[in-house]
Protein backbone atom coordinates (compact mmCIF):
# COMPACT_ATOMS: atom_id res chain seq x y z
CA MET A 1 -30.90 52.24 -67.51
CA GLY A 2 -29.78 51.12 -64.09
CA THR A 3 -30.08 48.66 -61.24
CA VAL A 4 -33.54 48.40 -59.70
CA LEU A 5 -34.28 46.52 -56.49
CA VAL A 6 -37.84 45.18 -56.32
CA THR A 7 -38.91 43.82 -52.95
CA GLY A 8 -41.35 40.93 -53.15
CA GLY A 9 -40.49 40.56 -56.81
CA GLY A 10 -41.28 36.89 -57.27
CA ARG A 11 -45.07 36.96 -57.47
CA GLY A 12 -48.06 39.08 -58.41
CA ILE A 13 -47.48 42.79 -58.90
CA GLY A 14 -43.78 42.46 -58.05
CA ALA A 15 -43.19 39.86 -60.74
CA ALA A 16 -45.02 42.01 -63.30
CA VAL A 17 -42.81 44.96 -62.35
CA VAL A 18 -39.69 42.83 -62.74
CA ARG A 19 -40.73 41.63 -66.20
CA ASP A 20 -41.59 45.14 -67.37
CA LEU A 21 -38.38 46.73 -66.08
CA GLY A 22 -36.27 43.90 -67.47
CA ALA A 23 -37.85 44.40 -70.89
CA ARG A 24 -37.00 48.11 -70.70
CA GLY A 25 -33.31 47.37 -70.18
CA HIS A 26 -32.96 47.72 -66.41
CA HIS A 27 -31.02 45.16 -64.40
CA VAL A 28 -33.51 43.97 -61.80
CA ILE A 29 -32.71 42.58 -58.35
CA VAL A 30 -35.61 40.30 -57.46
CA ASN A 31 -35.91 40.23 -53.69
CA TYR A 32 -37.86 37.39 -52.08
CA ARG A 33 -38.32 36.03 -48.58
CA ARG A 34 -39.63 32.46 -48.93
CA ASP A 35 -40.51 31.45 -52.49
CA GLY A 36 -37.12 31.07 -54.14
CA PRO A 37 -38.41 28.97 -57.05
CA ALA A 38 -40.93 31.68 -58.00
CA ALA A 39 -38.22 34.37 -57.91
CA ASP A 40 -35.88 32.19 -59.96
CA ALA A 41 -38.63 31.60 -62.52
CA VAL A 42 -39.14 35.35 -62.99
CA VAL A 43 -35.39 35.87 -63.32
CA ASP A 44 -35.19 33.12 -65.95
CA GLU A 45 -38.08 34.71 -67.84
CA VAL A 46 -36.36 38.09 -67.94
CA ARG A 47 -33.07 36.56 -69.03
CA ARG A 48 -34.69 34.51 -71.79
CA ALA A 49 -36.15 37.74 -73.12
CA GLY A 50 -32.67 39.28 -73.23
CA GLY A 51 -32.82 41.26 -70.00
CA GLY A 52 -30.75 41.23 -66.83
CA ALA A 53 -32.03 40.00 -63.47
CA GLU A 54 -30.96 38.07 -60.40
CA ALA A 55 -32.73 36.84 -57.27
CA VAL A 56 -31.56 37.74 -53.75
CA ARG A 57 -33.21 36.39 -50.60
CA ALA A 58 -33.82 38.70 -47.64
CA ASP A 59 -36.58 39.38 -45.15
CA VAL A 60 -36.98 43.13 -45.59
CA THR A 61 -38.47 43.45 -42.10
CA ASP A 62 -35.08 42.38 -40.70
CA PRO A 63 -32.43 45.15 -40.87
CA ASP A 64 -29.54 42.68 -40.72
CA GLU A 65 -30.84 40.71 -43.69
CA VAL A 66 -31.44 43.95 -45.60
CA ALA A 67 -27.84 44.96 -44.92
CA GLU A 68 -26.56 41.63 -46.22
CA MET A 69 -28.69 41.91 -49.35
CA LEU A 70 -27.53 45.44 -50.12
CA ALA A 71 -23.89 44.56 -49.50
CA LEU A 72 -24.24 41.81 -52.09
CA VAL A 73 -25.95 44.17 -54.56
CA VAL A 74 -23.24 46.79 -54.11
CA GLN A 75 -20.56 44.15 -54.61
CA ARG A 76 -22.17 42.89 -57.81
CA ARG A 77 -23.68 46.07 -59.26
CA GLY A 78 -21.98 48.98 -57.53
CA GLY A 79 -25.16 50.33 -55.98
CA VAL A 80 -28.89 50.80 -56.41
CA ASP A 81 -30.37 53.32 -58.83
CA ALA A 82 -34.01 52.69 -57.98
CA LEU A 83 -36.08 50.89 -55.36
CA VAL A 84 -39.60 49.52 -55.69
CA VAL A 85 -41.09 48.73 -52.26
CA ASN A 86 -43.70 46.10 -52.99
CA ALA A 87 -43.24 43.16 -50.59
CA ASN A 88 -46.40 41.97 -48.83
CA THR A 89 -44.65 41.55 -45.49
CA ALA A 90 -47.82 41.04 -43.44
CA PRO A 91 -51.05 39.66 -44.96
CA PRO A 92 -53.97 41.73 -43.65
CA PRO A 93 -56.67 40.36 -41.37
CA PHE A 94 -60.04 41.24 -42.94
CA ALA A 95 -62.41 41.95 -40.06
CA PRO A 96 -64.34 44.85 -38.51
CA LEU A 97 -62.95 46.53 -35.41
CA THR A 98 -65.33 44.73 -33.05
CA SER A 99 -63.92 41.33 -34.01
CA LEU A 100 -60.33 42.34 -34.79
CA GLY A 101 -57.68 41.42 -32.25
CA TRP A 102 -55.00 43.95 -31.39
CA ASP A 103 -52.17 41.56 -32.18
CA ALA A 104 -53.48 40.95 -35.71
CA PHE A 105 -54.02 44.67 -36.28
CA ALA A 106 -50.61 45.66 -34.90
CA SER A 107 -48.88 42.91 -36.88
CA LYS A 108 -50.23 44.30 -40.14
CA ILE A 109 -49.24 47.89 -39.32
CA THR A 110 -45.75 47.10 -38.07
CA GLY A 111 -45.13 44.54 -40.81
CA GLU A 112 -46.12 46.97 -43.56
CA LEU A 113 -43.95 49.75 -42.19
CA ALA A 114 -40.98 47.55 -41.31
CA GLY A 115 -40.93 46.28 -44.89
CA ALA A 116 -40.59 49.85 -46.09
CA PHE A 117 -38.54 51.36 -43.27
CA HIS A 118 -35.44 49.17 -43.19
CA VAL A 119 -34.84 48.91 -46.92
CA THR A 120 -35.48 52.63 -47.44
CA GLN A 121 -33.24 53.63 -44.55
CA GLN A 122 -30.36 51.58 -45.93
CA VAL A 123 -30.83 52.39 -49.62
CA LEU A 124 -30.96 56.17 -49.15
CA PRO A 125 -27.23 56.57 -48.30
CA LEU A 126 -26.33 54.64 -51.46
CA MET A 127 -28.48 56.96 -53.55
CA ARG A 128 -27.24 60.08 -51.79
CA ALA A 129 -23.66 59.07 -52.54
CA ARG A 130 -24.59 59.08 -56.25
CA GLY A 131 -26.62 62.28 -56.01
CA GLN A 132 -29.72 60.68 -57.47
CA GLY A 133 -32.23 57.89 -57.08
CA ARG A 134 -35.85 56.82 -57.48
CA ILE A 135 -38.14 55.15 -54.96
CA VAL A 136 -41.67 53.93 -55.68
CA TYR A 137 -43.90 52.50 -52.96
CA VAL A 138 -46.78 50.21 -53.87
CA GLY A 139 -49.73 51.34 -51.76
CA SER A 140 -53.46 50.86 -52.19
CA THR A 141 -56.66 52.83 -52.57
CA ALA A 142 -57.72 50.99 -49.42
CA ALA A 143 -56.00 53.89 -47.65
CA ASP A 144 -58.94 56.07 -48.71
CA TYR A 145 -61.92 53.72 -48.97
CA VAL A 146 -63.56 52.24 -45.90
CA GLY A 147 -65.68 49.18 -45.28
CA GLY A 148 -65.45 45.54 -46.17
CA GLY A 149 -63.33 44.66 -43.16
CA ARG A 150 -60.33 46.56 -44.53
CA LEU A 151 -59.55 48.45 -41.31
CA ALA A 152 -56.07 46.97 -40.77
CA HIS A 153 -55.16 46.94 -44.47
CA GLY A 154 -56.37 50.50 -45.08
CA THR A 155 -54.66 51.88 -41.98
CA ALA A 156 -51.39 50.21 -42.93
CA LYS A 157 -51.49 51.57 -46.48
CA ALA A 158 -52.38 55.06 -45.23
CA ALA A 159 -49.37 54.91 -42.92
CA LEU A 160 -47.19 53.79 -45.84
CA ALA A 161 -48.34 56.75 -47.94
CA THR A 162 -47.52 59.16 -45.11
CA PHE A 163 -44.13 57.50 -44.64
CA ALA A 164 -43.42 57.97 -48.36
CA ARG A 165 -44.23 61.68 -48.21
CA HIS A 166 -41.81 62.19 -45.34
CA VAL A 167 -39.09 60.27 -47.20
CA ALA A 168 -39.72 62.50 -50.22
CA ALA A 169 -39.35 65.65 -48.09
CA GLU A 170 -36.12 64.43 -46.49
CA SER A 171 -34.44 63.36 -49.71
CA ALA A 172 -35.68 65.68 -52.47
CA ARG A 173 -32.63 67.94 -52.38
CA ASP A 174 -30.38 64.92 -52.61
CA GLY A 175 -31.69 64.26 -56.12
CA ILE A 176 -34.00 61.46 -55.00
CA THR A 177 -37.57 61.23 -56.28
CA VAL A 178 -40.13 59.40 -54.14
CA LEU A 179 -43.58 58.43 -55.39
CA THR A 180 -46.39 56.06 -54.45
CA VAL A 181 -48.72 54.08 -56.69
CA ALA A 182 -52.10 53.22 -55.19
CA PRO A 183 -53.82 50.44 -57.12
CA GLY A 184 -57.46 49.57 -56.64
CA ALA A 185 -58.55 45.95 -56.78
CA VAL A 186 -55.89 44.06 -58.73
CA ARG A 187 -56.66 40.80 -60.49
CA GLY A 188 -54.20 38.36 -58.99
CA PRO A 189 -53.43 36.17 -55.95
CA ALA A 190 -55.19 38.51 -53.52
CA THR A 191 -58.46 38.50 -55.46
CA GLU A 192 -58.53 35.13 -57.20
CA ALA A 193 -60.47 33.57 -54.31
CA LEU A 194 -63.32 36.07 -54.64
CA PRO A 195 -66.62 34.69 -55.94
CA ALA A 196 -67.50 35.29 -59.59
CA ASP A 197 -70.25 37.77 -58.74
CA ARG A 198 -67.77 39.89 -56.78
CA HIS A 199 -65.40 39.90 -59.76
CA ALA A 200 -68.27 40.98 -61.99
CA GLU A 201 -69.21 43.74 -59.54
CA LEU A 202 -65.66 45.08 -59.50
CA ASP A 203 -65.48 44.98 -63.30
CA ASP A 204 -68.81 46.75 -63.71
CA ALA A 205 -67.91 49.46 -61.19
CA SER A 206 -64.97 50.60 -63.32
CA VAL A 207 -65.32 53.12 -66.13
CA LEU A 208 -62.99 50.83 -68.09
CA GLY A 209 -65.17 47.80 -67.41
CA ARG A 210 -62.37 45.76 -65.86
CA MET A 211 -60.22 45.36 -62.78
CA VAL A 212 -56.64 46.56 -62.59
CA GLU A 213 -54.10 44.04 -63.88
CA PRO A 214 -50.57 43.60 -62.46
CA ARG A 215 -49.19 44.73 -65.84
CA ASP A 216 -51.03 48.05 -65.39
CA VAL A 217 -49.24 48.68 -62.12
CA ALA A 218 -45.93 47.60 -63.64
CA ALA A 219 -46.28 50.06 -66.52
CA ALA A 220 -47.02 52.90 -64.11
CA VAL A 221 -44.04 52.01 -61.93
CA ALA A 222 -41.76 52.05 -64.97
CA VAL A 223 -42.93 55.54 -65.90
CA LEU A 224 -42.51 56.83 -62.34
CA LEU A 225 -38.95 55.54 -62.23
CA GLY A 226 -38.05 57.74 -65.19
CA PRO A 227 -36.29 61.10 -64.85
CA GLU A 228 -39.20 63.21 -66.08
CA LEU A 229 -41.33 63.30 -62.91
CA ARG A 230 -39.00 64.88 -60.34
CA ILE A 231 -41.53 67.69 -59.94
CA ALA A 232 -44.10 65.14 -58.69
CA THR A 233 -42.00 63.85 -55.79
CA GLY A 234 -44.11 63.07 -52.74
CA SER A 235 -47.23 62.39 -54.82
CA THR A 236 -49.50 59.37 -54.93
CA VAL A 237 -50.75 58.15 -58.30
CA ARG A 238 -54.07 56.33 -58.20
CA LEU A 239 -54.43 53.29 -60.44
CA ASP A 240 -58.05 52.29 -59.93
CA ALA A 241 -59.37 51.77 -63.48
CA GLY A 242 -61.63 54.78 -62.98
CA TRP A 243 -63.52 53.51 -59.93
CA SER A 244 -62.98 56.80 -58.10
CA VAL A 245 -64.71 58.62 -60.98
CA LEU A 246 -67.96 56.90 -60.13
CA VAL A 247 -69.85 57.90 -56.99
CA GLY A 248 -69.90 54.98 -54.60
CA GLY A 249 -67.75 52.76 -56.80
CA PRO A 250 -65.84 50.13 -54.80
CA SER A 251 -62.19 50.94 -55.36
CA ALA A 252 -60.55 48.20 -53.35
CA VAL A 253 -61.22 44.65 -52.36
């Protein structure tokens, strides 16, 4: 068991990851940018269940704030054993290319990568000093599936997956394992506004007959943070409830 930093850990998938890791005995650092009450609520939930957690505010797209956060974590915990890069640093504009402005497109790409770049760059030396570490990036099957106005979102997630592979190559011999989870449509804040017929369509398109739940992603992240999968470093694990098994199945919102 160790100290795990989860970016964007106060809501949605991040909160589910925090709860799962806390229940497994990890001490979880719940990073948040704006919603302190939500992060505090998740921390309280973990603590009431007997686990260890604490909330730390930082905008992970800002290298100075990342440095302050990590200095605090090192002071309190001695370092970081694992990192889960989950923060939704730039909500995607859903639009086709012909009606998508460059600023909106570029904001999504740079926001996605900045949220991964700065925290990874500053966590790696801490892990290298220990000779081991685990990093899991939360991507999306939108990197592979096209249509539905997901141009900016899919491009950003594809870039994140490529970034993760390069991080894996640069750090493998330092004892650091780097993996990506790519969920399909996840039932949560990003999909709750969809009409009922769209929810039904997504459920029916899955071989399991349901959408992915945040707890599904959390369970996968917990497994990937274990010591058994070093051989898989650089890989992406799809979590799409079997949509990709079906020809033409919609695998992302």
